[in-house]
């Protein structure tokens, strides 16, 4: 199956019930507010997810909030992003294969897909784990 077809297996409303659980709270006009964060915390407290309950403490799975893209953090840890403004790039999070050969093949495949969509991959960053 082509990577670009993964999201086309079934309409979102049919796939959503199989997901781990995601909540989204936004202001459609892009305004930031404490109320949004408070609402998101209520949502998180009520989210039925193994990570939210701590049911799999040894997997690194978890639940939390992403308030907005942490631009200054990314600029600090990914030097390639220092030339870009806050709204000039996107960020993806992937769980890649552990073996180097498989990981590099998948990264190359993802980069080709991104380029076919008119974008380019700027950098890859391994996330530190303990």
C-alpha atoms as a PDB file:
ATOM      1  CA  UNK A   1       0.000   0.000   0.000  1.00  0.00           C
ATOM      2  CA  UNK A   2       1.282   3.470  -0.872  1.00  0.00           C
ATOM      3  CA  UNK A   3       1.860   5.739   2.138  1.00  0.00           C
ATOM      4  CA  UNK A   4      -0.429   8.395   0.683  1.00  0.00           C
ATOM      5  CA  UNK A   5      -3.325   5.921   0.647  1.00  0.00           C
ATOM      6  CA  UNK A   6      -3.185   5.070   4.366  1.00  0.00           C
ATOM      7  CA  UNK A   7      -5.696   7.750   5.331  1.00  0.00           C
ATOM      8  CA  UNK A   8      -8.074   6.785   2.522  1.00  0.00           C
ATOM      9  CA  UNK A   9      -9.009   3.331   3.837  1.00  0.00           C
ATOM     10  CA  UNK A  10     -12.350   4.507   5.217  1.00  0.00           C
ATOM     11  CA  UNK A  11     -14.011   7.812   6.027  1.00  0.00           C
ATOM     12  CA  UNK A  12     -12.721   9.414   9.219  1.00  0.00           C
ATOM     13  CA  UNK A  13     -15.965   8.862  11.119  1.00  0.00           C
ATOM     14  CA  UNK A  14     -15.635   5.114  10.478  1.00  0.00           C
ATOM     15  CA  UNK A  15     -11.983   4.924  11.565  1.00  0.00           C
ATOM     16  CA  UNK A  16     -12.285   7.223  14.587  1.00  0.00           C
ATOM     17  CA  UNK A  17     -13.788   4.613  16.857  1.00  0.00           C
ATOM     18  CA  UNK A  18     -10.656   2.463  16.439  1.00  0.00           C
ATOM     19  CA  UNK A  19      -8.231   5.194  17.469  1.00  0.00           C
ATOM     20  CA  UNK A  20      -6.606   5.418  20.874  1.00  0.00           C
ATOM     21  CA  UNK A  21      -8.303   8.691  21.639  1.00  0.00           C
ATOM     22  CA  UNK A  22      -7.695  12.239  20.578  1.00  0.00           C
ATOM     23  CA  UNK A  23      -9.306  15.443  21.727  1.00  0.00           C
ATOM     24  CA  UNK A  24      -9.026  18.755  19.969  1.00  0.00           C
ATOM     25  CA  UNK A  25      -9.984  22.145  21.319  1.00  0.00           C
ATOM     26  CA  UNK A  26      -9.312  25.233  19.219  1.00  0.00           C
ATOM     27  CA  UNK A  27     -10.347  28.807  18.763  1.00  0.00           C
ATOM     28  CA  UNK A  28     -11.284  29.053  15.092  1.00  0.00           C
ATOM     29  CA  UNK A  29      -9.987  32.624  14.977  1.00  0.00           C
ATOM     30  CA  UNK A  30      -6.565  31.566  16.308  1.00  0.00           C
ATOM     31  CA  UNK A  31      -6.871  33.404  19.623  1.00  0.00           C
ATOM     32  CA  UNK A  32      -4.868  32.100  22.574  1.00  0.00           C
ATOM     33  CA  UNK A  33      -6.535  31.933  25.967  1.00  0.00           C
ATOM     34  CA  UNK A  34      -6.293  30.371  29.380  1.00  0.00           C
ATOM     35  CA  UNK A  35      -9.845  29.074  28.904  1.00  0.00           C
ATOM     36  CA  UNK A  36      -8.714  26.887  25.997  1.00  0.00           C
ATOM     37  CA  UNK A  37      -6.058  25.292  28.202  1.00  0.00           C
ATOM     38  CA  UNK A  38      -8.521  24.778  31.043  1.00  0.00           C
ATOM     39  CA  UNK A  39     -10.983  23.116  28.647  1.00  0.00           C
ATOM     40  CA  UNK A  40      -8.194  20.929  27.250  1.00  0.00           C
ATOM     41  CA  UNK A  41      -7.248  19.785  30.754  1.00  0.00           C
ATOM     42  CA  UNK A  42     -10.865  18.765  31.408  1.00  0.00           C
ATOM     43  CA  UNK A  43     -10.848  16.864  28.115  1.00  0.00           C
ATOM     44  CA  UNK A  44      -7.560  15.141  29.016  1.00  0.00           C
ATOM     45  CA  UNK A  45      -8.857  14.135  32.454  1.00  0.00           C
ATOM     46  CA  UNK A  46     -11.810  12.425  30.767  1.00  0.00           C
ATOM     47  CA  UNK A  47      -9.904  10.791  27.931  1.00  0.00           C
ATOM     48  CA  UNK A  48     -10.140   6.996  27.986  1.00  0.00           C
ATOM     49  CA  UNK A  49      -6.679   5.981  26.856  1.00  0.00           C
ATOM     50  CA  UNK A  50      -4.210   3.493  28.283  1.00  0.00           C
ATOM     51  CA  UNK A  51      -1.535   6.196  28.450  1.00  0.00           C
ATOM     52  CA  UNK A  52      -3.878   8.638  30.144  1.00  0.00           C
ATOM     53  CA  UNK A  53      -4.632   6.018  32.791  1.00  0.00           C
ATOM     54  CA  UNK A  54      -0.994   4.902  33.168  1.00  0.00           C
ATOM     55  CA  UNK A  55      -1.983   1.348  32.245  1.00  0.00           C
ATOM     56  CA  UNK A  56       1.218   0.777  30.263  1.00  0.00           C
ATOM     57  CA  UNK A  57       3.849   2.548  32.306  1.00  0.00           C
ATOM     58  CA  UNK A  58       6.763   0.666  30.708  1.00  0.00           C
ATOM     59  CA  UNK A  59       6.005   1.615  27.076  1.00  0.00           C
ATOM     60  CA  UNK A  60       6.545   5.350  27.180  1.00  0.00           C
ATOM     61  CA  UNK A  61       2.965   5.763  26.054  1.00  0.00           C
ATOM     62  CA  UNK A  62       1.197   8.708  27.562  1.00  0.00           C
ATOM     63  CA  UNK A  63      -1.202  11.537  27.157  1.00  0.00           C
ATOM     64  CA  UNK A  64      -0.729  15.266  27.321  1.00  0.00           C
ATOM     65  CA  UNK A  65      -1.350  18.634  25.734  1.00  0.00           C
ATOM     66  CA  UNK A  66       0.328  20.362  22.846  1.00  0.00           C
ATOM     67  CA  UNK A  67      -0.685  23.943  23.293  1.00  0.00           C
ATOM     68  CA  UNK A  68       0.942  25.187  20.100  1.00  0.00           C
ATOM     69  CA  UNK A  69       4.018  24.321  18.083  1.00  0.00           C
ATOM     70  CA  UNK A  70       6.954  25.129  20.382  1.00  0.00           C
ATOM     71  CA  UNK A  71       8.827  27.157  17.755  1.00  0.00           C
ATOM     72  CA  UNK A  72      11.638  28.416  20.009  1.00  0.00           C
ATOM     73  CA  UNK A  73      12.298  24.893  21.279  1.00  0.00           C
ATOM     74  CA  UNK A  74      12.487  23.496  17.743  1.00  0.00           C
ATOM     75  CA  UNK A  75      14.788  26.325  16.665  1.00  0.00           C
ATOM     76  CA  UNK A  76      17.080  25.458  19.572  1.00  0.00           C
ATOM     77  CA  UNK A  77      17.250  21.689  18.956  1.00  0.00           C
ATOM     78  CA  UNK A  78      16.971  21.582  15.142  1.00  0.00           C
ATOM     79  CA  UNK A  79      19.520  23.985  13.637  1.00  0.00           C
ATOM     80  CA  UNK A  80      17.981  23.651  10.141  1.00  0.00           C
ATOM     81  CA  UNK A  81      14.829  25.407  11.395  1.00  0.00           C
ATOM     82  CA  UNK A  82      16.588  28.599  12.460  1.00  0.00           C
ATOM     83  CA  UNK A  83      16.042  30.080   8.999  1.00  0.00           C
ATOM     84  CA  UNK A  84      12.262  29.592   9.204  1.00  0.00           C
ATOM     85  CA  UNK A  85       9.503  31.575  10.847  1.00  0.00           C
ATOM     86  CA  UNK A  86       6.958  30.012  13.182  1.00  0.00           C
ATOM     87  CA  UNK A  87       4.360  29.431  10.462  1.00  0.00           C
ATOM     88  CA  UNK A  88       6.765  28.375   7.702  1.00  0.00           C
ATOM     89  CA  UNK A  89       7.141  24.681   8.602  1.00  0.00           C
ATOM     90  CA  UNK A  90       5.233  21.756  10.010  1.00  0.00           C
ATOM     91  CA  UNK A  91       6.286  19.038  12.401  1.00  0.00           C
ATOM     92  CA  UNK A  92       5.539  15.322  12.251  1.00  0.00           C
ATOM     93  CA  UNK A  93       6.137  12.675  14.867  1.00  0.00           C
ATOM     94  CA  UNK A  94       6.867   9.156  13.694  1.00  0.00           C
ATOM     95  CA  UNK A  95       7.757   5.865  15.300  1.00  0.00           C
ATOM     96  CA  UNK A  96      10.431   4.470  12.982  1.00  0.00           C
ATOM     97  CA  UNK A  97      11.902   0.948  12.775  1.00  0.00           C
ATOM     98  CA  UNK A  98      14.789   0.219  15.126  1.00  0.00           C
ATOM     99  CA  UNK A  99      17.024  -1.310  12.472  1.00  0.00           C
ATOM    100  CA  UNK A 100      19.001   1.308  10.581  1.00  0.00           C
ATOM    101  CA  UNK A 101      18.417  -0.122   7.092  1.00  0.00           C
ATOM    102  CA  UNK A 102      14.637  -0.298   7.514  1.00  0.00           C
ATOM    103  CA  UNK A 103      14.540   3.130   9.178  1.00  0.00           C
ATOM    104  CA  UNK A 104      16.504   4.771   6.328  1.00  0.00           C
ATOM    105  CA  UNK A 105      14.312   3.132   3.661  1.00  0.00           C
ATOM    106  CA  UNK A 106      11.174   4.405   5.362  1.00  0.00           C
ATOM    107  CA  UNK A 107      12.598   7.901   5.792  1.00  0.00           C
ATOM    108  CA  UNK A 108      13.486   8.017   2.083  1.00  0.00           C
ATOM    109  CA  UNK A 109       9.974   6.860   1.196  1.00  0.00           C
ATOM    110  CA  UNK A 110       8.412   9.526   3.419  1.00  0.00           C
ATOM    111  CA  UNK A 111      10.622  12.216   1.885  1.00  0.00           C
ATOM    112  CA  UNK A 112       9.539  11.182  -1.624  1.00  0.00           C
ATOM    113  CA  UNK A 113       5.883  11.351  -0.598  1.00  0.00           C
ATOM    114  CA  UNK A 114       6.361  14.776   0.996  1.00  0.00           C
ATOM    115  CA  UNK A 115       8.065  16.060  -2.160  1.00  0.00           C
ATOM    116  CA  UNK A 116       5.257  14.729  -4.376  1.00  0.00           C
ATOM    117  CA  UNK A 117       2.873  16.827  -2.277  1.00  0.00           C
ATOM    118  CA  UNK A 118       4.929  19.953  -3.006  1.00  0.00           C
ATOM    119  CA  UNK A 119       6.839  20.155   0.261  1.00  0.00           C
ATOM    120  CA  UNK A 120      10.289  19.117   1.441  1.00  0.00           C
ATOM    121  CA  UNK A 121      11.595  17.443   4.543  1.00  0.00           C
ATOM    122  CA  UNK A 122      13.882  19.909   6.282  1.00  0.00           C
ATOM    123  CA  UNK A 123      15.372  17.745   9.019  1.00  0.00           C
ATOM    124  CA  UNK A 124      14.994  14.559  11.045  1.00  0.00           C
ATOM    125  CA  UNK A 125      15.479  14.639  14.800  1.00  0.00           C
ATOM    126  CA  UNK A 126      15.747  11.581  17.026  1.00  0.00           C
ATOM    127  CA  UNK A 127      13.769  12.230  20.192  1.00  0.00           C
ATOM    128  CA  UNK A 128      15.801  11.548  23.318  1.00  0.00           C
ATOM    129  CA  UNK A 129      14.491   8.778  25.546  1.00  0.00           C
ATOM    130  CA  UNK A 130      15.583   7.625  28.973  1.00  0.00           C
END
